[in-house]
Amino acid sequence: MKSAGVVRKVDQLGRIVLPKSLRKRHQMNEGDPVEILVQGDKIFLERYYPRCLFCGTTEEVLEFKERNICAVCMKDMADSKR
């Protein structure tokens, strides 16, 4: 993993500001969802993409009854009902 060479302080509400150059480079716009990941004592931020509840893919994910399910798993569920 490469350092961006940027240091920011956390404000009173726990917020940090991502520099415009980083947001632009990673195509992040105001209002875009960001996922917070934790591994050991490290915190990672990445653009959020809905994942399938069953297989974890981010391809062709649809929302069904407030759950994210990909087209392949939906088809598998429909086929299993027969």
PDB file of N, CA and C in Angstrom:
ATOM      1  N   MET A   1       0.851  -1.167   0.000  1.00  0.00           N
ATOM      2  CA  MET A   1       0.000   0.000   0.000  1.00  0.00           C
ATOM      3  C   MET A   1       0.897   1.230   0.000  1.00  0.00           C
ATOM      4  N   LYS A   2       0.507   2.224  -0.788  1.00  0.00           N
ATOM      5  CA  LYS A   2       1.324   3.425  -0.964  1.00  0.00           C
ATOM      6  C   LYS A   2       0.732   4.594  -0.183  1.00  0.00           C
ATOM      7  N   SER A   3       1.571   5.348   0.496  1.00  0.00           N
ATOM      8  CA  SER A   3       1.131   6.527   1.234  1.00  0.00           C
ATOM      9  C   SER A   3       0.785   7.637   0.261  1.00  0.00           C
ATOM     10  N   ALA A   4      -0.314   8.360   0.547  1.00  0.00           N
ATOM     11  CA  ALA A   4      -0.697   9.505  -0.278  1.00  0.00           C
ATOM     12  C   ALA A   4       0.080  10.749   0.121  1.00  0.00           C
ATOM     13  N   GLY A   5       0.818  10.677   1.217  1.00  0.00           N
ATOM     14  CA  GLY A   5       1.601  11.818   1.670  1.00  0.00           C
ATOM     15  C   GLY A   5       0.762  12.947   2.234  1.00  0.00           C
ATOM     16  N   VAL A   6      -0.443  12.608   2.699  1.00  0.00           N
ATOM     17  CA  VAL A   6      -1.370  13.609   3.221  1.00  0.00           C
ATOM     18  C   VAL A   6      -1.684  13.270   4.673  1.00  0.00           C
ATOM     19  N   VAL A   7      -1.622  14.263   5.542  1.00  0.00           N
ATOM     20  CA  VAL A   7      -1.991  14.084   6.945  1.00  0.00           C
ATOM     21  C   VAL A   7      -3.119  15.052   7.251  1.00  0.00           C
ATOM     22  N   ARG A   8      -4.188  14.551   7.850  1.00  0.00           N
ATOM     23  CA  ARG A   8      -5.328  15.386   8.227  1.00  0.00           C
ATOM     24  C   ARG A   8      -5.676  15.098   9.677  1.00  0.00           C
ATOM     25  N   LYS A   9      -6.185  16.112  10.379  1.00  0.00           N
ATOM     26  CA  LYS A   9      -6.638  15.929  11.752  1.00  0.00           C
ATOM     27  C   LYS A   9      -8.124  15.594  11.756  1.00  0.00           C
ATOM     28  N   VAL A  10      -8.527  14.799  12.730  1.00  0.00           N
ATOM     29  CA  VAL A  10      -9.925  14.460  12.924  1.00  0.00           C
ATOM     30  C   VAL A  10     -10.563  15.618  13.696  1.00  0.00           C
ATOM     31  N   ASP A  11     -11.728  16.107  13.235  1.00  0.00           N
ATOM     32  CA  ASP A  11     -12.373  17.225  13.939  1.00  0.00           C
ATOM     33  C   ASP A  11     -13.194  16.721  15.129  1.00  0.00           C
ATOM     34  N   GLN A  12     -13.864  17.637  15.827  1.00  0.00           N
ATOM     35  CA  GLN A  12     -14.620  17.285  17.037  1.00  0.00           C
ATOM     36  C   GLN A  12     -15.732  16.277  16.776  1.00  0.00           C
ATOM     37  N   LEU A  13     -16.242  16.227  15.551  1.00  0.00           N
ATOM     38  CA  LEU A  13     -17.319  15.293  15.210  1.00  0.00           C
ATOM     39  C   LEU A  13     -16.789  13.998  14.592  1.00  0.00           C
ATOM     40  N   GLY A  14     -15.463  13.835  14.560  1.00  0.00           N
ATOM     41  CA  GLY A  14     -14.869  12.606  14.038  1.00  0.00           C
ATOM     42  C   GLY A  14     -14.676  12.612  12.531  1.00  0.00           C
ATOM     43  N   ARG A  15     -14.765  13.768  11.911  1.00  0.00           N
ATOM     44  CA  ARG A  15     -14.660  13.863  10.455  1.00  0.00           C
ATOM     45  C   ARG A  15     -13.237  14.195  10.014  1.00  0.00           C
ATOM     46  N   ILE A  16     -12.931  13.756   8.798  1.00  0.00           N
ATOM     47  CA  ILE A  16     -11.703  14.167   8.125  1.00  0.00           C
ATOM     48  C   ILE A  16     -12.105  14.647   6.732  1.00  0.00           C
ATOM     49  N   VAL A  17     -11.266  15.474   6.149  1.00  0.00           N
ATOM     50  CA  VAL A  17     -11.519  15.964   4.796  1.00  0.00           C
ATOM     51  C   VAL A  17     -10.538  15.282   3.848  1.00  0.00           C
ATOM     52  N   LEU A  18     -11.079  14.665   2.790  1.00  0.00           N
ATOM     53  CA  LEU A  18     -10.220  14.082   1.767  1.00  0.00           C
ATOM     54  C   LEU A  18      -9.835  15.188   0.788  1.00  0.00           C
ATOM     55  N   PRO A  19      -8.557  15.344   0.504  1.00  0.00           N
ATOM     56  CA  PRO A  19      -8.137  16.398  -0.417  1.00  0.00           C
ATOM     57  C   PRO A  19      -8.803  16.258  -1.787  1.00  0.00           C
ATOM     58  N   LYS A  20      -9.059  17.409  -2.406  1.00  0.00           N
ATOM     59  CA  LYS A  20      -9.724  17.432  -3.707  1.00  0.00           C
ATOM     60  C   LYS A  20      -8.969  16.592  -4.732  1.00  0.00           C
ATOM     61  N   SER A  21      -7.637  16.640  -4.695  1.00  0.00           N
ATOM     62  CA  SER A  21      -6.839  15.870  -5.664  1.00  0.00           C
ATOM     63  C   SER A  21      -7.097  14.364  -5.537  1.00  0.00           C
ATOM     64  N   LEU A  22      -7.247  13.867  -4.290  1.00  0.00           N
ATOM     65  CA  LEU A  22      -7.553  12.446  -4.085  1.00  0.00           C
ATOM     66  C   LEU A  22      -8.969  12.112  -4.546  1.00  0.00           C
ATOM     67  N   ARG A  23      -9.926  12.992  -4.209  1.00  0.00           N
ATOM     68  CA  ARG A  23     -11.311  12.759  -4.627  1.00  0.00           C
ATOM     69  C   ARG A  23     -11.413  12.730  -6.144  1.00  0.00           C
ATOM     70  N   LYS A  24     -10.711  13.645  -6.788  1.00  0.00           N
ATOM     71  CA  LYS A  24     -10.751  13.707  -8.251  1.00  0.00           C
ATOM     72  C   LYS A  24     -10.097  12.469  -8.862  1.00  0.00           C
ATOM     73  N   ARG A  25      -8.932  12.092  -8.342  1.00  0.00           N
ATOM     74  CA  ARG A  25      -8.207  10.928  -8.859  1.00  0.00           C
ATOM     75  C   ARG A  25      -9.034   9.650  -8.741  1.00  0.00           C
ATOM     76  N   HIS A  26      -9.815   9.547  -7.669  1.00  0.00           N
ATOM     77  CA  HIS A  26     -10.601   8.328  -7.423  1.00  0.00           C
ATOM     78  C   HIS A  26     -12.081   8.507  -7.753  1.00  0.00           C
ATOM     79  N   GLN A  27     -12.379   9.573  -8.511  1.00  0.00           N
ATOM     80  CA  GLN A  27     -13.736   9.850  -9.005  1.00  0.00           C
ATOM     81  C   GLN A  27     -14.772   9.791  -7.889  1.00  0.00           C
ATOM     82  N   MET A  28     -14.483  10.483  -6.800  1.00  0.00           N
ATOM     83  CA  MET A  28     -15.396  10.552  -5.663  1.00  0.00           C
ATOM     84  C   MET A  28     -16.054  11.924  -5.657  1.00  0.00           C
ATOM     85  N   ASN A  29     -17.376  11.937  -5.662  1.00  0.00           N
ATOM     86  CA  ASN A  29     -18.126  13.180  -5.676  1.00  0.00           C
ATOM     87  C   ASN A  29     -18.891  13.358  -4.368  1.00  0.00           C
ATOM     88  N   GLU A  30     -19.312  14.577  -4.122  1.00  0.00           N
ATOM     89  CA  GLU A  30     -20.105  14.861  -2.926  1.00  0.00           C
ATOM     90  C   GLU A  30     -21.328  13.948  -2.908  1.00  0.00           C
ATOM     91  N   GLY A  31     -21.572  13.320  -1.779  1.00  0.00           N
ATOM     92  CA  GLY A  31     -22.721  12.438  -1.626  1.00  0.00           C
ATOM     93  C   GLY A  31     -22.460  10.982  -1.985  1.00  0.00           C
ATOM     94  N   ASP A  32     -21.296  10.675  -2.577  1.00  0.00           N
ATOM     95  CA  ASP A  32     -20.983   9.283  -2.912  1.00  0.00           C
ATOM     96  C   ASP A  32     -20.794   8.472  -1.629  1.00  0.00           C
ATOM     97  N   PRO A  33     -21.307   7.250  -1.606  1.00  0.00           N
ATOM     98  CA  PRO A  33     -21.101   6.417  -0.419  1.00  0.00           C
ATOM     99  C   PRO A  33     -19.665   5.902  -0.331  1.00  0.00           C
ATOM    100  N   VAL A  34     -19.145   5.870   0.890  1.00  0.00           N
ATOM    101  CA  VAL A  34     -17.790   5.380   1.157  1.00  0.00           C
ATOM    102  C   VAL A  34     -17.894   4.290   2.210  1.00  0.00           C
ATOM    103  N   GLU A  35     -17.214   3.186   1.976  1.00  0.00           N
ATOM    104  CA  GLU A  35     -17.225   2.074   2.933  1.00  0.00           C
ATOM    105  C   GLU A  35     -15.993   2.179   3.827  1.00  0.00           C
ATOM    106  N   ILE A  36     -16.189   1.931   5.115  1.00  0.00           N
ATOM    107  CA  ILE A  36     -15.096   1.963   6.086  1.00  0.00           C
ATOM    108  C   ILE A  36     -14.767   0.513   6.443  1.00  0.00           C
ATOM    109  N   LEU A  37     -13.528   0.121   6.207  1.00  0.00           N
ATOM    110  CA  LEU A  37     -13.074  -1.244   6.472  1.00  0.00           C
ATOM    111  C   LEU A  37     -12.012  -1.199   7.554  1.00  0.00           C
ATOM    112  N   VAL A  38     -11.985  -2.197   8.403  1.00  0.00           N
ATOM    113  CA  VAL A  38     -11.000  -2.277   9.475  1.00  0.00           C
ATOM    114  C   VAL A  38     -10.282  -3.608   9.378  1.00  0.00           C
ATOM    115  N   GLN A  39      -8.957  -3.547   9.445  1.00  0.00           N
ATOM    116  CA  GLN A  39      -8.140  -4.761   9.463  1.00  0.00           C
ATOM    117  C   GLN A  39      -7.075  -4.568  10.527  1.00  0.00           C
ATOM    118  N   GLY A  40      -7.229  -5.294  11.634  1.00  0.00           N
ATOM    119  CA  GLY A  40      -6.309  -5.107  12.752  1.00  0.00           C
ATOM    120  C   GLY A  40      -6.450  -3.695  13.296  1.00  0.00           C
ATOM    121  N   ASP A  41      -5.345  -2.951  13.337  1.00  0.00           N
ATOM    122  CA  ASP A  41      -5.396  -1.578  13.837  1.00  0.00           C
ATOM    123  C   ASP A  41      -5.393  -0.560  12.704  1.00  0.00           C
ATOM    124  N   LYS A  42      -5.696  -0.997  11.486  1.00  0.00           N
ATOM    125  CA  LYS A  42      -5.715  -0.113  10.322  1.00  0.00           C
ATOM    126  C   LYS A  42      -7.152   0.137   9.847  1.00  0.00           C
ATOM    127  N   ILE A  43      -7.411   1.360   9.368  1.00  0.00           N
ATOM    128  CA  ILE A  43      -8.717   1.750   8.850  1.00  0.00           C
ATOM    129  C   ILE A  43      -8.545   2.092   7.376  1.00  0.00           C
ATOM    130  N   PHE A  44      -9.401   1.533   6.525  1.00  0.00           N
ATOM    131  CA  PHE A  44      -9.344   1.773   5.092  1.00  0.00           C
ATOM    132  C   PHE A  44     -10.656   2.388   4.636  1.00  0.00           C
ATOM    133  N   LEU A  45     -10.577   3.288   3.683  1.00  0.00           N
ATOM    134  CA  LEU A  45     -11.756   3.866   3.057  1.00  0.00           C
ATOM    135  C   LEU A  45     -11.751   3.430   1.597  1.00  0.00           C
ATOM    136  N   GLU A  46     -12.917   3.040   1.086  1.00  0.00           N
ATOM    137  CA  GLU A  46     -13.014   2.748  -0.338  1.00  0.00           C
ATOM    138  C   GLU A  46     -14.414   3.102  -0.826  1.00  0.00           C
ATOM    139  N   ARG A  47     -14.514   3.373  -2.110  1.00  0.00           N
ATOM    140  CA  ARG A  47     -15.822   3.661  -2.680  1.00  0.00           C
ATOM    141  C   ARG A  47     -16.727   2.469  -2.427  1.00  0.00           C
ATOM    142  N   TYR A  48     -17.963   2.751  -2.072  1.00  0.00           N
ATOM    143  CA  TYR A  48     -18.904   1.679  -1.755  1.00  0.00           C
ATOM    144  C   TYR A  48     -19.616   1.210  -3.012  1.00  0.00           C
ATOM    145  N   TYR A  49     -19.641  -0.077  -3.213  1.00  0.00           N
ATOM    146  CA  TYR A  49     -20.428  -0.709  -4.258  1.00  0.00           C
ATOM    147  C   TYR A  49     -21.278  -1.770  -3.584  1.00  0.00           C
ATOM    148  N   PRO A  50     -22.595  -1.781  -3.826  1.00  0.00           N
ATOM    149  CA  PRO A  50     -23.433  -2.814  -3.205  1.00  0.00           C
ATOM    150  C   PRO A  50     -22.934  -4.205  -3.589  1.00  0.00           C
ATOM    151  N   ARG A  51     -22.930  -5.110  -2.626  1.00  0.00           N
ATOM    152  CA  ARG A  51     -22.492  -6.495  -2.853  1.00  0.00           C
ATOM    153  C   ARG A  51     -23.665  -7.442  -2.650  1.00  0.00           C
ATOM    154  N   CYS A  52     -23.641  -8.542  -3.383  1.00  0.00           N
ATOM    155  CA  CYS A  52     -24.675  -9.556  -3.258  1.00  0.00           C
ATOM    156  C   CYS A  52     -24.607 -10.188  -1.862  1.00  0.00           C
ATOM    157  N   LEU A  53     -25.740 -10.303  -1.232  1.00  0.00           N
ATOM    158  CA  LEU A  53     -25.864 -10.897   0.094  1.00  0.00           C
ATOM    159  C   LEU A  53     -25.330 -12.327   0.123  1.00  0.00           C
ATOM    160  N   PHE A  54     -25.482 -13.049  -0.979  1.00  0.00           N
ATOM    161  CA  PHE A  54     -25.119 -14.468  -1.007  1.00  0.00           C
ATOM    162  C   PHE A  54     -23.701 -14.743  -1.509  1.00  0.00           C
ATOM    163  N   CYS A  55     -23.331 -14.166  -2.648  1.00  0.00           N
ATOM    164  CA  CYS A  55     -22.025 -14.513  -3.233  1.00  0.00           C
ATOM    165  C   CYS A  55     -20.977 -13.403  -3.126  1.00  0.00           C
ATOM    166  N   GLY A  56     -21.395 -12.182  -2.772  1.00  0.00           N
ATOM    167  CA  GLY A  56     -20.454 -11.099  -2.565  1.00  0.00           C
ATOM    168  C   GLY A  56     -20.047 -10.322  -3.807  1.00  0.00           C
ATOM    169  N   THR A  57     -20.544 -10.696  -4.971  1.00  0.00           N
ATOM    170  CA  THR A  57     -20.175  -9.979  -6.189  1.00  0.00           C
ATOM    171  C   THR A  57     -20.752  -8.562  -6.195  1.00  0.00           C
ATOM    172  N   THR A  58     -20.141  -7.699  -6.996  1.00  0.00           N
ATOM    173  CA  THR A  58     -20.670  -6.336  -7.179  1.00  0.00           C
ATOM    174  C   THR A  58     -21.275  -6.192  -8.581  1.00  0.00           C
ATOM    175  N   GLU A  59     -21.322  -7.282  -9.340  1.00  0.00           N
ATOM    176  CA  GLU A  59     -21.846  -7.267 -10.704  1.00  0.00           C
ATOM    177  C   GLU A  59     -23.363  -7.458 -10.709  1.00  0.00           C
ATOM    178  N   GLU A  60     -24.075  -6.604 -11.434  1.00  0.00           N
ATOM    179  CA  GLU A  60     -25.525  -6.716 -11.635  1.00  0.00           C
ATOM    180  C   GLU A  60     -26.294  -6.901 -10.323  1.00  0.00           C
ATOM    181  N   VAL A  61     -25.975  -6.084  -9.329  1.00  0.00           N
ATOM    182  CA  VAL A  61     -26.624  -6.190  -8.027  1.00  0.00           C
ATOM    183  C   VAL A  61     -27.910  -5.363  -8.027  1.00  0.00           C
ATOM    184  N   LEU A  62     -28.994  -5.994  -7.606  1.00  0.00           N
ATOM    185  CA  LEU A  62     -30.297  -5.360  -7.517  1.00  0.00           C
ATOM    186  C   LEU A  62     -30.740  -5.350  -6.068  1.00  0.00           C
ATOM    187  N   GLU A  63     -31.605  -4.408  -5.727  1.00  0.00           N
ATOM    188  CA  GLU A  63     -32.148  -4.383  -4.373  1.00  0.00           C
ATOM    189  C   GLU A  63     -33.491  -5.100  -4.375  1.00  0.00           C
ATOM    190  N   PHE A  64     -33.654  -6.057  -3.485  1.00  0.00           N
ATOM    191  CA  PHE A  64     -34.893  -6.823  -3.353  1.00  0.00           C
ATOM    192  C   PHE A  64     -35.247  -6.883  -1.875  1.00  0.00           C
ATOM    193  N   LYS A  65     -36.375  -6.298  -1.514  1.00  0.00           N
ATOM    194  CA  LYS A  65     -36.825  -6.252  -0.117  1.00  0.00           C
ATOM    195  C   LYS A  65     -35.711  -5.775   0.817  1.00  0.00           C
ATOM    196  N   GLU A  66     -35.101  -4.651   0.443  1.00  0.00           N
ATOM    197  CA  GLU A  66     -34.041  -3.998   1.213  1.00  0.00           C
ATOM    198  C   GLU A  66     -32.775  -4.844   1.355  1.00  0.00           C
ATOM    199  N   ARG A  67     -32.587  -5.800   0.467  1.00  0.00           N
ATOM    200  CA  ARG A  67     -31.379  -6.634   0.444  1.00  0.00           C
ATOM    201  C   ARG A  67     -30.771  -6.559  -0.944  1.00  0.00           C
ATOM    202  N   ASN A  68     -29.449  -6.613  -1.033  1.00  0.00           N
ATOM    203  CA  ASN A  68     -28.759  -6.604  -2.321  1.00  0.00           C
ATOM    204  C   ASN A  68     -28.522  -8.036  -2.778  1.00  0.00           C
ATOM    205  N   ILE A  69     -29.035  -8.346  -3.979  1.00  0.00           N
ATOM    206  CA  ILE A  69     -28.897  -9.693  -4.535  1.00  0.00           C
ATOM    207  C   ILE A  69     -28.540  -9.551  -6.010  1.00  0.00           C
ATOM    208  N   CYS A  70     -27.546 -10.313  -6.462  1.00  0.00           N
ATOM    209  CA  CYS A  70     -27.144 -10.225  -7.867  1.00  0.00           C
ATOM    210  C   CYS A  70     -28.120 -11.020  -8.744  1.00  0.00           C
ATOM    211  N   ALA A  71     -28.078 -10.727 -10.036  1.00  0.00           N
ATOM    212  CA  ALA A  71     -28.986 -11.369 -10.988  1.00  0.00           C
ATOM    213  C   ALA A  71     -28.787 -12.885 -11.014  1.00  0.00           C
ATOM    214  N   VAL A  72     -27.550 -13.343 -10.889  1.00  0.00           N
ATOM    215  CA  VAL A  72     -27.264 -14.785 -10.930  1.00  0.00           C
ATOM    216  C   VAL A  72     -27.904 -15.490  -9.730  1.00  0.00           C
ATOM    217  N   CYS A  73     -27.733 -14.947  -8.527  1.00  0.00           N
ATOM    218  CA  CYS A  73     -28.313 -15.567  -7.332  1.00  0.00           C
ATOM    219  C   CYS A  73     -29.841 -15.504  -7.368  1.00  0.00           C
ATOM    220  N   MET A  74     -30.396 -14.392  -7.902  1.00  0.00           N
ATOM    221  CA  MET A  74     -31.857 -14.307  -8.025  1.00  0.00           C
ATOM    222  C   MET A  74     -32.376 -15.403  -8.939  1.00  0.00           C
ATOM    223  N   LYS A  75     -31.667 -15.621 -10.055  1.00  0.00           N
ATOM    224  CA  LYS A  75     -32.069 -16.684 -10.983  1.00  0.00           C
ATOM    225  C   LYS A  75     -31.961 -18.047 -10.311  1.00  0.00           C
ATOM    226  N   ASP A  76     -30.873 -18.271  -9.576  1.00  0.00           N
ATOM    227  CA  ASP A  76     -30.693 -19.542  -8.864  1.00  0.00           C
ATOM    228  C   ASP A  76     -31.822 -19.782  -7.876  1.00  0.00           C
ATOM    229  N   MET A  77     -32.244 -18.719  -7.159  1.00  0.00           N
ATOM    230  CA  MET A  77     -33.343 -18.866  -6.198  1.00  0.00           C
ATOM    231  C   MET A  77     -34.650 -19.177  -6.916  1.00  0.00           C
ATOM    232  N   ALA A  78     -34.896 -18.515  -8.030  1.00  0.00           N
ATOM    233  CA  ALA A  78     -36.112 -18.770  -8.791  1.00  0.00           C
ATOM    234  C   ALA A  78     -36.130 -20.201  -9.323  1.00  0.00           C
ATOM    235  N   ASP A  79     -34.969 -20.681  -9.798  1.00  0.00           N
ATOM    236  CA  ASP A  79     -34.865 -22.045 -10.314  1.00  0.00           C
ATOM    237  C   ASP A  79     -35.038 -23.081  -9.211  1.00  0.00           C
ATOM    238  N   SER A  80     -34.603 -22.777  -7.995  1.00  0.00           N
ATOM    239  CA  SER A  80     -34.692 -23.741  -6.893  1.00  0.00           C
ATOM    240  C   SER A  80     -36.123 -23.914  -6.392  1.00  0.00           C
ATOM    241  N   LYS A  81     -36.999 -22.949  -6.682  1.00  0.00           N
ATOM    242  CA  LYS A  81     -38.393 -23.042  -6.252  1.00  0.00           C
ATOM    243  C   LYS A  81     -39.184 -24.021  -7.109  1.00  0.00           C
ATOM    244  N   ARG A  82     -38.638 -24.397  -8.248  1.00  0.00           N
ATOM    245  CA  ARG A  82     -39.357 -25.300  -9.165  1.00  0.00           C
ATOM    246  C   ARG A  82     -39.186 -26.723  -8.797  1.00  0.00           C
TER     247      ARG A  82
END
